[in-house]
Structures are given as structure tokens and as C-alpha cells.
């Protein structure tokens, strides 16, 4: 696979527009899923994905094939997302303490008026996907990145160390501490862990009442799910997940929305030839 990616890369920097499109399409889902887990909201993830794609294209000439292309893209995406300030949760920081208190106090009996006659199991599944992404926002951005890469994307510690510019040993130590922190919260609060006090179905009414869940707009349920290998082909499995990590490790991976694909095609029609004929180092303002 890597040889095919390098071949696409070579053709792209020589001016082949179709190769450039193929190269970017090969990593769009990876970028979108990382953005979604890091930012917590599909709308924020879409915006960030577009901006990261522009960065990848404009910096393409800097890739020297000294690592996998996906590692290089991860590094660009990770650096961008750690410092991303425009998302809702960057402006309204969460904590495990606040989230725990919200769970303790947040139960309302489900009624047909609240659920709008939408199946409660479907609403509970939507809430689970939303809640787990939001829960990640209780971690600081760098800890969140370490957890997402290690637990959800199963990236090898050596590669994670390269992305974060720390040693693999330092990465594993930090991941272990973060997993312990998340695991303790899940054990106390998340019903998916079999020990927590929360239950997705019981929280549906409260989530609708507080406008966290809209029965008429189920974002996660309407997303197209990607084959697991779509993401894992970019990574190398290394560490066995601890008991509580399965709550996150088993979350689905999604295909990036059609709007991202349309954005890529429009972007290439507008900028591609200028980028690949000598101006790849210039930044493009979004």
C-alpha cells in the first residue's frame, strides 16, 4: 500500500491533478475521524478537516518519504488540532468533575413528546456516539490526542512518539496515566463499562430537554460508516487495551461527509496547479 501512496505522491508533485486528488482522498477519512474525536462535534470536524487538507496540499513538497505518508499527515493534523481554538469545546472547556455532576443530576423520564416518537434504541445509540466524543473533551488537547491515537486508532507507540516528538517510552507512560484517568471515570459513570451509574437510554429525555440531542437530526446515525480497515490500514496495532478502553476502542469509524469530497474537488480545481508547480510552501488563507 505504501508503495502505491508514494507513486501517487510522485505523480502529484509532478503536476498530475488526478494523482493529487487520489492522494488526498486516501487520507480524508483518517483526517476527519481524528478531527471528530479531537473536537467532539461533526460540524467542527468538517471545518477542521478542510483546513487540514489545505495544509497538507500546500506543504506537500516538504514530504521526504522518510516516514509513511499517513504518519506525516497525522503530524500535520495533530499539530493543527491541538492548537485549534474555533471549536465549541475549545471555547467551553469541560472537565470530568463537571461531566460527572451532570450525569448525577441529569435524568428525565422519556416521553413521546420528548422523543417525538423516534425509537428509543436509535436515540440511545445516537447519544452514546455523541457522549463518548464529548467525554473526550474533558481531557486537555494533548492528552486527548495521545488517548485517541493509542486507544481508538491503535497507532504504534513509535509512530505516536514521532507525531508528538517524544520518545516511545514517554508516550507509553503518558498513555497509561491517561487510560487510568479515563478508566476510573468510565468505571464510576458509564453504563457501558458494566459498573457505571449512567445509562444511555435513561439519559435520552434529559439530552433532548437540554438540546444535546435532536430526534429529527441524528448526526451520527446518518453518517456513513467506514470499514474498520479504512482507518486501521494507516496504523499498526501495538498495545492491548485495558478493561475500560473498549468503550472507546469499539466506536465506529466514519467516512468523511460528502461535503469534504466536494470541497477537495473544488479546491483542486481552484488551487492544484499553482500548488504543485512550485508554490507548495505558501499558506492559503481559508
C-alpha atoms as a PDB file:
ATOM      1  CA  UNK A   1       0.000   0.000   0.000  1.00  0.00           C
ATOM      2  CA  UNK A   2       2.766   2.436   0.919  1.00  0.00           C
ATOM      3  CA  UNK A   3       4.451   1.985  -2.468  1.00  0.00           C
ATOM      4  CA  UNK A   4       1.171   2.895  -4.157  1.00  0.00           C
ATOM      5  CA  UNK A   5       0.880   6.006  -1.983  1.00  0.00           C
ATOM      6  CA  UNK A   6       4.460   7.019  -2.811  1.00  0.00           C
ATOM      7  CA  UNK A   7       3.700   6.518  -6.512  1.00  0.00           C
ATOM      8  CA  UNK A   8       0.659   8.789  -6.206  1.00  0.00           C
ATOM      9  CA  UNK A   9       2.790  11.315  -4.346  1.00  0.00           C
ATOM     10  CA  UNK A  10       5.479  11.330  -7.062  1.00  0.00           C
ATOM     11  CA  UNK A  11       2.885  11.892  -9.762  1.00  0.00           C
ATOM     12  CA  UNK A  12       1.150  14.577  -7.703  1.00  0.00           C
ATOM     13  CA  UNK A  13       4.270  16.704  -7.216  1.00  0.00           C
ATOM     14  CA  UNK A  14       4.995  16.358 -10.937  1.00  0.00           C
ATOM     15  CA  UNK A  15       1.683  18.037 -11.685  1.00  0.00           C
ATOM     16  CA  UNK A  16      -0.788  15.161 -12.048  1.00  0.00           C
ATOM     17  CA  UNK A  17      -4.091  16.512 -10.748  1.00  0.00           C
ATOM     18  CA  UNK A  18      -5.794  13.100 -10.607  1.00  0.00           C
ATOM     19  CA  UNK A  19      -2.903  11.704  -8.571  1.00  0.00           C
ATOM     20  CA  UNK A  20      -3.126  14.629  -6.156  1.00  0.00           C
ATOM     21  CA  UNK A  21      -6.851  14.049  -5.756  1.00  0.00           C
ATOM     22  CA  UNK A  22      -6.275  10.324  -5.151  1.00  0.00           C
ATOM     23  CA  UNK A  23      -3.568  11.078  -2.607  1.00  0.00           C
ATOM     24  CA  UNK A  24      -5.797  13.423  -0.615  1.00  0.00           C
ATOM     25  CA  UNK A  25      -8.823  11.140  -0.850  1.00  0.00           C
ATOM     26  CA  UNK A  26      -6.707   8.331   0.614  1.00  0.00           C
ATOM     27  CA  UNK A  27      -6.325  10.238   3.893  1.00  0.00           C
ATOM     28  CA  UNK A  28      -9.548  12.269   4.091  1.00  0.00           C
ATOM     29  CA  UNK A  29     -11.356   9.727   6.311  1.00  0.00           C
ATOM     30  CA  UNK A  30      -8.358   9.470   8.612  1.00  0.00           C
ATOM     31  CA  UNK A  31      -8.237  13.261   8.991  1.00  0.00           C
ATOM     32  CA  UNK A  32     -11.980  13.515   9.550  1.00  0.00           C
ATOM     33  CA  UNK A  33     -12.103  10.802  12.230  1.00  0.00           C
ATOM     34  CA  UNK A  34      -9.157  12.315  14.082  1.00  0.00           C
ATOM     35  CA  UNK A  35     -10.809  15.753  13.892  1.00  0.00           C
ATOM     36  CA  UNK A  36     -14.126  14.358  15.119  1.00  0.00           C
ATOM     37  CA  UNK A  37     -12.576  12.713  18.177  1.00  0.00           C
ATOM     38  CA  UNK A  38     -10.399  15.720  18.948  1.00  0.00           C
ATOM     39  CA  UNK A  39     -13.135  18.355  18.580  1.00  0.00           C
ATOM     40  CA  UNK A  40     -16.259  16.472  19.614  1.00  0.00           C
ATOM     41  CA  UNK A  41     -18.730  17.935  17.097  1.00  0.00           C
ATOM     42  CA  UNK A  42     -19.271  16.857  13.450  1.00  0.00           C
ATOM     43  CA  UNK A  43     -19.620  20.454  12.254  1.00  0.00           C
ATOM     44  CA  UNK A  44     -16.304  21.444  13.859  1.00  0.00           C
ATOM     45  CA  UNK A  45     -14.670  18.312  12.456  1.00  0.00           C
ATOM     46  CA  UNK A  46     -15.803  19.187   8.929  1.00  0.00           C
ATOM     47  CA  UNK A  47     -14.320  22.675   9.149  1.00  0.00           C
ATOM     48  CA  UNK A  48     -11.035  21.438  10.620  1.00  0.00           C
ATOM     49  CA  UNK A  49     -10.754  18.640   8.048  1.00  0.00           C
ATOM     50  CA  UNK A  50     -10.997  21.141   5.205  1.00  0.00           C
ATOM     51  CA  UNK A  51      -8.359  23.359   6.764  1.00  0.00           C
ATOM     52  CA  UNK A  52      -6.014  20.425   7.399  1.00  0.00           C
ATOM     53  CA  UNK A  53      -6.411  19.243   3.815  1.00  0.00           C
ATOM     54  CA  UNK A  54      -5.326  22.674   2.606  1.00  0.00           C
ATOM     55  CA  UNK A  55      -2.265  22.474   4.868  1.00  0.00           C
ATOM     56  CA  UNK A  56      -1.387  19.011   3.547  1.00  0.00           C
ATOM     57  CA  UNK A  57      -1.611  20.203  -0.066  1.00  0.00           C
ATOM     58  CA  UNK A  58       0.303  23.418   0.474  1.00  0.00           C
ATOM     59  CA  UNK A  59       3.080  21.601   2.358  1.00  0.00           C
ATOM     60  CA  UNK A  60       3.233  18.576   0.060  1.00  0.00           C
ATOM     61  CA  UNK A  61       6.701  19.355  -1.267  1.00  0.00           C
ATOM     62  CA  UNK A  62       8.051  19.098   2.307  1.00  0.00           C
ATOM     63  CA  UNK A  63       7.301  15.357   2.488  1.00  0.00           C
ATOM     64  CA  UNK A  64      10.600  13.484   2.039  1.00  0.00           C
ATOM     65  CA  UNK A  65       9.352   9.857   2.218  1.00  0.00           C
ATOM     66  CA  UNK A  66      11.280   9.374   5.450  1.00  0.00           C
ATOM     67  CA  UNK A  67       8.120   8.037   7.077  1.00  0.00           C
ATOM     68  CA  UNK A  68       4.771   6.714   5.942  1.00  0.00           C
ATOM     69  CA  UNK A  69       2.689   9.379   4.222  1.00  0.00           C
ATOM     70  CA  UNK A  70      -0.052   8.780   6.807  1.00  0.00           C
ATOM     71  CA  UNK A  71       2.410   9.496   9.657  1.00  0.00           C
ATOM     72  CA  UNK A  72       3.336  12.777   8.013  1.00  0.00           C
ATOM     73  CA  UNK A  73      -0.340  13.679   7.603  1.00  0.00           C
ATOM     74  CA  UNK A  74      -1.076  12.667  11.203  1.00  0.00           C
ATOM     75  CA  UNK A  75       1.673  15.028  12.369  1.00  0.00           C
ATOM     76  CA  UNK A  76       0.215  17.959  10.432  1.00  0.00           C
ATOM     77  CA  UNK A  77      -3.307  17.170  11.630  1.00  0.00           C
ATOM     78  CA  UNK A  78      -2.221  16.609  15.237  1.00  0.00           C
ATOM     79  CA  UNK A  79      -0.316  19.885  15.472  1.00  0.00           C
ATOM     80  CA  UNK A  80      -3.242  21.740  13.978  1.00  0.00           C
ATOM     81  CA  UNK A  81      -5.906  20.124  16.167  1.00  0.00           C
ATOM     82  CA  UNK A  82      -4.003  20.527  19.437  1.00  0.00           C
ATOM     83  CA  UNK A  83      -3.999  24.277  18.863  1.00  0.00           C
ATOM     84  CA  UNK A  84      -7.477  24.537  17.319  1.00  0.00           C
ATOM     85  CA  UNK A  85      -9.410  27.317  19.099  1.00  0.00           C
ATOM     86  CA  UNK A  86     -12.554  27.655  16.995  1.00  0.00           C
ATOM     87  CA  UNK A  87     -14.436  24.561  18.183  1.00  0.00           C
ATOM     88  CA  UNK A  88     -17.287  24.763  20.670  1.00  0.00           C
ATOM     89  CA  UNK A  89     -15.406  22.830  23.350  1.00  0.00           C
ATOM     90  CA  UNK A  90     -12.240  24.873  22.937  1.00  0.00           C
ATOM     91  CA  UNK A  91     -14.326  27.849  23.985  1.00  0.00           C
ATOM     92  CA  UNK A  92     -16.280  25.989  26.686  1.00  0.00           C
ATOM     93  CA  UNK A  93     -13.817  23.590  28.313  1.00  0.00           C
ATOM     94  CA  UNK A  94     -15.252  20.511  30.020  1.00  0.00           C
ATOM     95  CA  UNK A  95     -13.873  18.543  32.972  1.00  0.00           C
ATOM     96  CA  UNK A  96     -14.562  15.066  34.324  1.00  0.00           C
ATOM     97  CA  UNK A  97     -15.855  16.687  37.532  1.00  0.00           C
ATOM     98  CA  UNK A  98     -18.431  18.765  35.639  1.00  0.00           C
ATOM     99  CA  UNK A  99     -19.413  15.831  33.425  1.00  0.00           C
ATOM    100  CA  UNK A 100     -19.851  13.588  36.441  1.00  0.00           C
ATOM    101  CA  UNK A 101     -22.083  16.115  38.182  1.00  0.00           C
ATOM    102  CA  UNK A 102     -24.137  16.472  35.026  1.00  0.00           C
ATOM    103  CA  UNK A 103     -24.669  12.700  34.926  1.00  0.00           C
ATOM    104  CA  UNK A 104     -25.618  12.602  38.604  1.00  0.00           C
ATOM    105  CA  UNK A 105     -28.302  15.242  38.087  1.00  0.00           C
ATOM    106  CA  UNK A 106     -29.360  14.645  34.501  1.00  0.00           C
ATOM    107  CA  UNK A 107     -32.220  12.165  34.235  1.00  0.00           C
ATOM    108  CA  UNK A 108     -35.700  12.955  32.906  1.00  0.00           C
ATOM    109  CA  UNK A 109     -38.347  10.353  32.161  1.00  0.00           C
ATOM    110  CA  UNK A 110     -38.640   9.695  28.435  1.00  0.00           C
ATOM    111  CA  UNK A 111     -41.992  10.656  26.922  1.00  0.00           C
ATOM    112  CA  UNK A 112     -43.375  10.514  23.396  1.00  0.00           C
ATOM    113  CA  UNK A 113     -43.440  14.297  23.422  1.00  0.00           C
ATOM    114  CA  UNK A 114     -39.688  14.384  24.062  1.00  0.00           C
ATOM    115  CA  UNK A 115     -38.687  11.507  21.779  1.00  0.00           C
ATOM    116  CA  UNK A 116     -41.094  12.672  19.038  1.00  0.00           C
ATOM    117  CA  UNK A 117     -41.974   9.008  18.516  1.00  0.00           C
ATOM    118  CA  UNK A 118     -38.435   8.185  17.359  1.00  0.00           C
ATOM    119  CA  UNK A 119     -37.285   4.742  18.503  1.00  0.00           C
ATOM    120  CA  UNK A 120     -35.612   4.987  21.918  1.00  0.00           C
ATOM    121  CA  UNK A 121     -32.920   2.454  20.969  1.00  0.00           C
ATOM    122  CA  UNK A 122     -31.929   4.603  17.985  1.00  0.00           C
ATOM    123  CA  UNK A 123     -31.849   7.695  20.181  1.00  0.00           C
ATOM    124  CA  UNK A 124     -29.777   5.868  22.801  1.00  0.00           C
ATOM    125  CA  UNK A 125     -27.241   4.813  20.153  1.00  0.00           C
ATOM    126  CA  UNK A 126     -27.025   8.390  18.875  1.00  0.00           C
ATOM    127  CA  UNK A 127     -26.488   9.632  22.410  1.00  0.00           C
ATOM    128  CA  UNK A 128     -23.754   7.046  23.005  1.00  0.00           C
ATOM    129  CA  UNK A 129     -21.794   8.218  19.972  1.00  0.00           C
ATOM    130  CA  UNK A 130     -22.234  11.863  20.928  1.00  0.00           C
ATOM    131  CA  UNK A 131     -21.497  11.319  24.626  1.00  0.00           C
ATOM    132  CA  UNK A 132     -18.248   9.432  24.073  1.00  0.00           C
ATOM    133  CA  UNK A 133     -16.925  12.135  21.771  1.00  0.00           C
ATOM    134  CA  UNK A 134     -17.941  14.830  24.236  1.00  0.00           C
ATOM    135  CA  UNK A 135     -16.400  12.875  27.123  1.00  0.00           C
ATOM    136  CA  UNK A 136     -13.040  13.035  25.374  1.00  0.00           C
ATOM    137  CA  UNK A 137     -13.228  16.820  25.595  1.00  0.00           C
ATOM    138  CA  UNK A 138     -12.697  16.509  29.362  1.00  0.00           C
ATOM    139  CA  UNK A 139      -9.032  15.790  28.575  1.00  0.00           C
ATOM    140  CA  UNK A 140      -6.627  18.575  27.665  1.00  0.00           C
ATOM    141  CA  UNK A 141      -5.876  18.611  23.901  1.00  0.00           C
ATOM    142  CA  UNK A 142      -2.514  16.809  24.057  1.00  0.00           C
ATOM    143  CA  UNK A 143      -3.791  14.123  26.435  1.00  0.00           C
ATOM    144  CA  UNK A 144      -6.828  13.719  24.191  1.00  0.00           C
ATOM    145  CA  UNK A 145      -4.584  13.228  21.172  1.00  0.00           C
ATOM    146  CA  UNK A 146      -2.477  10.635  22.988  1.00  0.00           C
ATOM    147  CA  UNK A 147      -5.598   8.739  24.030  1.00  0.00           C
ATOM    148  CA  UNK A 148      -7.265   8.901  20.608  1.00  0.00           C
ATOM    149  CA  UNK A 149      -4.147   7.732  18.762  1.00  0.00           C
ATOM    150  CA  UNK A 150      -3.370   4.928  21.205  1.00  0.00           C
ATOM    151  CA  UNK A 151      -6.805   3.619  22.129  1.00  0.00           C
ATOM    152  CA  UNK A 152      -9.091   4.477  19.230  1.00  0.00           C
ATOM    153  CA  UNK A 153      -6.713   4.371  16.264  1.00  0.00           C
ATOM    154  CA  UNK A 154      -4.273   1.857  17.790  1.00  0.00           C
ATOM    155  CA  UNK A 155      -1.236   3.683  16.464  1.00  0.00           C
ATOM    156  CA  UNK A 156       2.143   2.153  17.329  1.00  0.00           C
ATOM    157  CA  UNK A 157       3.975   3.931  20.161  1.00  0.00           C
ATOM    158  CA  UNK A 158       6.998   4.606  17.934  1.00  0.00           C
ATOM    159  CA  UNK A 159       4.812   6.409  15.412  1.00  0.00           C
ATOM    160  CA  UNK A 160       2.971   8.280  18.175  1.00  0.00           C
ATOM    161  CA  UNK A 161       6.323   9.364  19.571  1.00  0.00           C
ATOM    162  CA  UNK A 162       7.288  10.722  16.150  1.00  0.00           C
ATOM    163  CA  UNK A 163       3.991  12.582  15.826  1.00  0.00           C
ATOM    164  CA  UNK A 164       4.280  14.121  19.301  1.00  0.00           C
ATOM    165  CA  UNK A 165       8.081  14.469  19.189  1.00  0.00           C
ATOM    166  CA  UNK A 166       8.608  12.429  22.365  1.00  0.00           C
ATOM    167  CA  UNK A 167      10.172   9.017  22.937  1.00  0.00           C
ATOM    168  CA  UNK A 168       8.009   5.877  22.588  1.00  0.00           C
ATOM    169  CA  UNK A 169       8.626   5.164  26.299  1.00  0.00           C
ATOM    170  CA  UNK A 170       7.416   8.635  27.308  1.00  0.00           C
ATOM    171  CA  UNK A 171       4.370   8.192  25.095  1.00  0.00           C
ATOM    172  CA  UNK A 172       3.500   4.812  26.652  1.00  0.00           C
ATOM    173  CA  UNK A 173       3.848   6.220  30.165  1.00  0.00           C
ATOM    174  CA  UNK A 174       1.573   9.146  29.391  1.00  0.00           C
ATOM    175  CA  UNK A 175      -0.960   6.907  27.654  1.00  0.00           C
ATOM    176  CA  UNK A 176      -1.022   4.607  30.678  1.00  0.00           C
ATOM    177  CA  UNK A 177      -1.775   7.514  33.032  1.00  0.00           C
ATOM    178  CA  UNK A 178      -4.475   8.904  30.752  1.00  0.00           C
ATOM    179  CA  UNK A 179      -6.124   5.490  30.318  1.00  0.00           C
ATOM    180  CA  UNK A 180      -6.207   5.133  34.087  1.00  0.00           C
ATOM    181  CA  UNK A 181      -7.869   8.536  34.437  1.00  0.00           C
ATOM    182  CA  UNK A 182     -10.453   7.793  31.748  1.00  0.00           C
ATOM    183  CA  UNK A 183     -10.970   4.252  33.029  1.00  0.00           C
ATOM    184  CA  UNK A 184     -11.761   5.470  36.543  1.00  0.00           C
ATOM    185  CA  UNK A 185     -14.373   7.887  35.187  1.00  0.00           C
ATOM    186  CA  UNK A 186     -15.931   5.231  32.951  1.00  0.00           C
ATOM    187  CA  UNK A 187     -15.996   2.729  35.777  1.00  0.00           C
ATOM    188  CA  UNK A 188     -17.932   5.111  38.012  1.00  0.00           C
ATOM    189  CA  UNK A 189     -20.264   6.738  35.491  1.00  0.00           C
ATOM    190  CA  UNK A 190     -20.537   4.903  32.158  1.00  0.00           C
ATOM    191  CA  UNK A 191     -23.047   2.064  31.982  1.00  0.00           C
ATOM    192  CA  UNK A 192     -21.194   0.599  29.004  1.00  0.00           C
ATOM    193  CA  UNK A 193     -18.433  -0.399  31.423  1.00  0.00           C
ATOM    194  CA  UNK A 194     -20.964  -2.605  33.267  1.00  0.00           C
ATOM    195  CA  UNK A 195     -20.254  -0.764  36.539  1.00  0.00           C
ATOM    196  CA  UNK A 196     -21.171   2.879  35.909  1.00  0.00           C
ATOM    197  CA  UNK A 197     -24.353   4.557  37.058  1.00  0.00           C
ATOM    198  CA  UNK A 198     -25.287   6.123  33.705  1.00  0.00           C
ATOM    199  CA  UNK A 199     -27.481   4.517  31.049  1.00  0.00           C
ATOM    200  CA  UNK A 200     -27.758   5.888  27.518  1.00  0.00           C
ATOM    201  CA  UNK A 201     -31.470   5.120  27.162  1.00  0.00           C
ATOM    202  CA  UNK A 202     -32.313   6.696  30.521  1.00  0.00           C
ATOM    203  CA  UNK A 203     -30.391   9.856  29.561  1.00  0.00           C
ATOM    204  CA  UNK A 204     -32.255  10.361  26.261  1.00  0.00           C
ATOM    205  CA  UNK A 205     -35.025  12.530  27.723  1.00  0.00           C
ATOM    206  CA  UNK A 206     -32.569  14.793  29.534  1.00  0.00           C
ATOM    207  CA  UNK A 207     -30.378  15.094  26.421  1.00  0.00           C
ATOM    208  CA  UNK A 208     -33.365  16.156  24.330  1.00  0.00           C
ATOM    209  CA  UNK A 209     -34.602  18.551  27.027  1.00  0.00           C
ATOM    210  CA  UNK A 210     -31.185  20.275  27.142  1.00  0.00           C
ATOM    211  CA  UNK A 211     -30.921  20.397  23.301  1.00  0.00           C
ATOM    212  CA  UNK A 212     -27.972  17.999  23.239  1.00  0.00           C
ATOM    213  CA  UNK A 213     -29.953  15.537  21.177  1.00  0.00           C
ATOM    214  CA  UNK A 214     -32.365  16.348  18.360  1.00  0.00           C
ATOM    215  CA  UNK A 215     -34.613  13.402  17.384  1.00  0.00           C
ATOM    216  CA  UNK A 216     -35.110  14.982  13.972  1.00  0.00           C
ATOM    217  CA  UNK A 217     -31.404  15.427  13.297  1.00  0.00           C
ATOM    218  CA  UNK A 218     -29.436  12.325  14.282  1.00  0.00           C
ATOM    219  CA  UNK A 219     -25.984  13.286  13.019  1.00  0.00           C
ATOM    220  CA  UNK A 220     -24.116  10.103  13.912  1.00  0.00           C
ATOM    221  CA  UNK A 221     -26.882   7.751  12.798  1.00  0.00           C
ATOM    222  CA  UNK A 222     -26.954   9.477   9.410  1.00  0.00           C
ATOM    223  CA  UNK A 223     -23.197   9.223   8.875  1.00  0.00           C
ATOM    224  CA  UNK A 224     -21.797   6.609   6.540  1.00  0.00           C
ATOM    225  CA  UNK A 225     -19.624   4.191   8.492  1.00  0.00           C
ATOM    226  CA  UNK A 226     -16.247   3.241   7.089  1.00  0.00           C
ATOM    227  CA  UNK A 227     -14.863  -0.264   7.050  1.00  0.00           C
ATOM    228  CA  UNK A 228     -12.635  -0.653  10.104  1.00  0.00           C
ATOM    229  CA  UNK A 229      -9.648  -1.320   7.847  1.00  0.00           C
ATOM    230  CA  UNK A 230     -10.099   2.098   6.242  1.00  0.00           C
ATOM    231  CA  UNK A 231      -8.555   3.623   9.344  1.00  0.00           C
ATOM    232  CA  UNK A 232      -6.519   0.746  10.720  1.00  0.00           C
ATOM    233  CA  UNK A 233      -4.630   0.319   7.428  1.00  0.00           C
ATOM    234  CA  UNK A 234      -2.867   3.546   8.397  1.00  0.00           C
ATOM    235  CA  UNK A 235      -1.795   2.243  11.775  1.00  0.00           C
ATOM    236  CA  UNK A 236      -0.009  -0.629  13.489  1.00  0.00           C
ATOM    237  CA  UNK A 237      -1.675  -2.371  16.405  1.00  0.00           C
ATOM    238  CA  UNK A 238       0.606  -2.421  19.462  1.00  0.00           C
ATOM    239  CA  UNK A 239      -0.858  -2.185  22.907  1.00  0.00           C
ATOM    240  CA  UNK A 240      -3.583  -4.360  24.374  1.00  0.00           C
ATOM    241  CA  UNK A 241      -6.378  -2.127  25.632  1.00  0.00           C
ATOM    242  CA  UNK A 242      -7.175  -2.119  29.342  1.00  0.00           C
ATOM    243  CA  UNK A 243     -10.573  -3.181  30.646  1.00  0.00           C
ATOM    244  CA  UNK A 244     -12.321   0.167  30.291  1.00  0.00           C
ATOM    245  CA  UNK A 245     -10.790   1.285  26.989  1.00  0.00           C
ATOM    246  CA  UNK A 246     -13.120  -0.919  24.929  1.00  0.00           C
ATOM    247  CA  UNK A 247     -15.839   1.731  25.331  1.00  0.00           C
ATOM    248  CA  UNK A 248     -13.803   3.957  23.014  1.00  0.00           C
ATOM    249  CA  UNK A 249     -11.859   1.343  21.061  1.00  0.00           C
ATOM    250  CA  UNK A 250     -15.061  -0.157  19.633  1.00  0.00           C
ATOM    251  CA  UNK A 251     -16.596   3.106  18.472  1.00  0.00           C
ATOM    252  CA  UNK A 252     -17.284   3.125  14.722  1.00  0.00           C
ATOM    253  CA  UNK A 253     -15.118   4.930  12.213  1.00  0.00           C
ATOM    254  CA  UNK A 254     -16.917   7.149   9.733  1.00  0.00           C
ATOM    255  CA  UNK A 255     -16.494   8.100   6.128  1.00  0.00           C
ATOM    256  CA  UNK A 256     -15.916  11.798   5.774  1.00  0.00           C
ATOM    257  CA  UNK A 257     -19.103  13.613   4.682  1.00  0.00           C
ATOM    258  CA  UNK A 258     -19.807  14.251   1.012  1.00  0.00           C
ATOM    259  CA  UNK A 259     -19.151  17.923   1.663  1.00  0.00           C
ATOM    260  CA  UNK A 260     -15.473  17.072   2.258  1.00  0.00           C
ATOM    261  CA  UNK A 261     -15.198  15.219  -1.054  1.00  0.00           C
ATOM    262  CA  UNK A 262     -16.831  18.129  -2.884  1.00  0.00           C
ATOM    263  CA  UNK A 263     -14.504  20.525  -1.086  1.00  0.00           C
ATOM    264  CA  UNK A 264     -11.455  18.555  -2.255  1.00  0.00           C
ATOM    265  CA  UNK A 265     -12.585  18.550  -5.890  1.00  0.00           C
ATOM    266  CA  UNK A 266     -13.381  22.272  -5.814  1.00  0.00           C
ATOM    267  CA  UNK A 267     -10.102  23.021  -4.063  1.00  0.00           C
ATOM    268  CA  UNK A 268      -8.081  21.143  -6.661  1.00  0.00           C
ATOM    269  CA  UNK A 269      -9.894  22.876  -9.484  1.00  0.00           C
ATOM    270  CA  UNK A 270      -9.011  26.224  -7.935  1.00  0.00           C
ATOM    271  CA  UNK A 271      -5.553  25.771  -6.425  1.00  0.00           C
ATOM    272  CA  UNK A 272      -3.974  22.491  -7.503  1.00  0.00           C
ATOM    273  CA  UNK A 273      -1.831  23.576 -10.431  1.00  0.00           C
ATOM    274  CA  UNK A 274      -0.415  26.557  -8.543  1.00  0.00           C
ATOM    275  CA  UNK A 275       0.397  24.377  -5.554  1.00  0.00           C
ATOM    276  CA  UNK A 276       2.136  21.575  -7.409  1.00  0.00           C
ATOM    277  CA  UNK A 277       4.101  23.774  -9.779  1.00  0.00           C
ATOM    278  CA  UNK A 278       6.298  25.481  -7.249  1.00  0.00           C
ATOM    279  CA  UNK A 279       4.189  27.278  -4.658  1.00  0.00           C
ATOM    280  CA  UNK A 280       3.512  24.366  -2.328  1.00  0.00           C
ATOM    281  CA  UNK A 281       5.208  26.083   0.589  1.00  0.00           C
ATOM    282  CA  UNK A 282       2.829  29.048   0.565  1.00  0.00           C
ATOM    283  CA  UNK A 283      -0.020  29.140   3.045  1.00  0.00           C
ATOM    284  CA  UNK A 284      -3.542  29.543   1.728  1.00  0.00           C
ATOM    285  CA  UNK A 285      -5.927  31.577   3.843  1.00  0.00           C
ATOM    286  CA  UNK A 286      -9.260  29.869   4.384  1.00  0.00           C
END
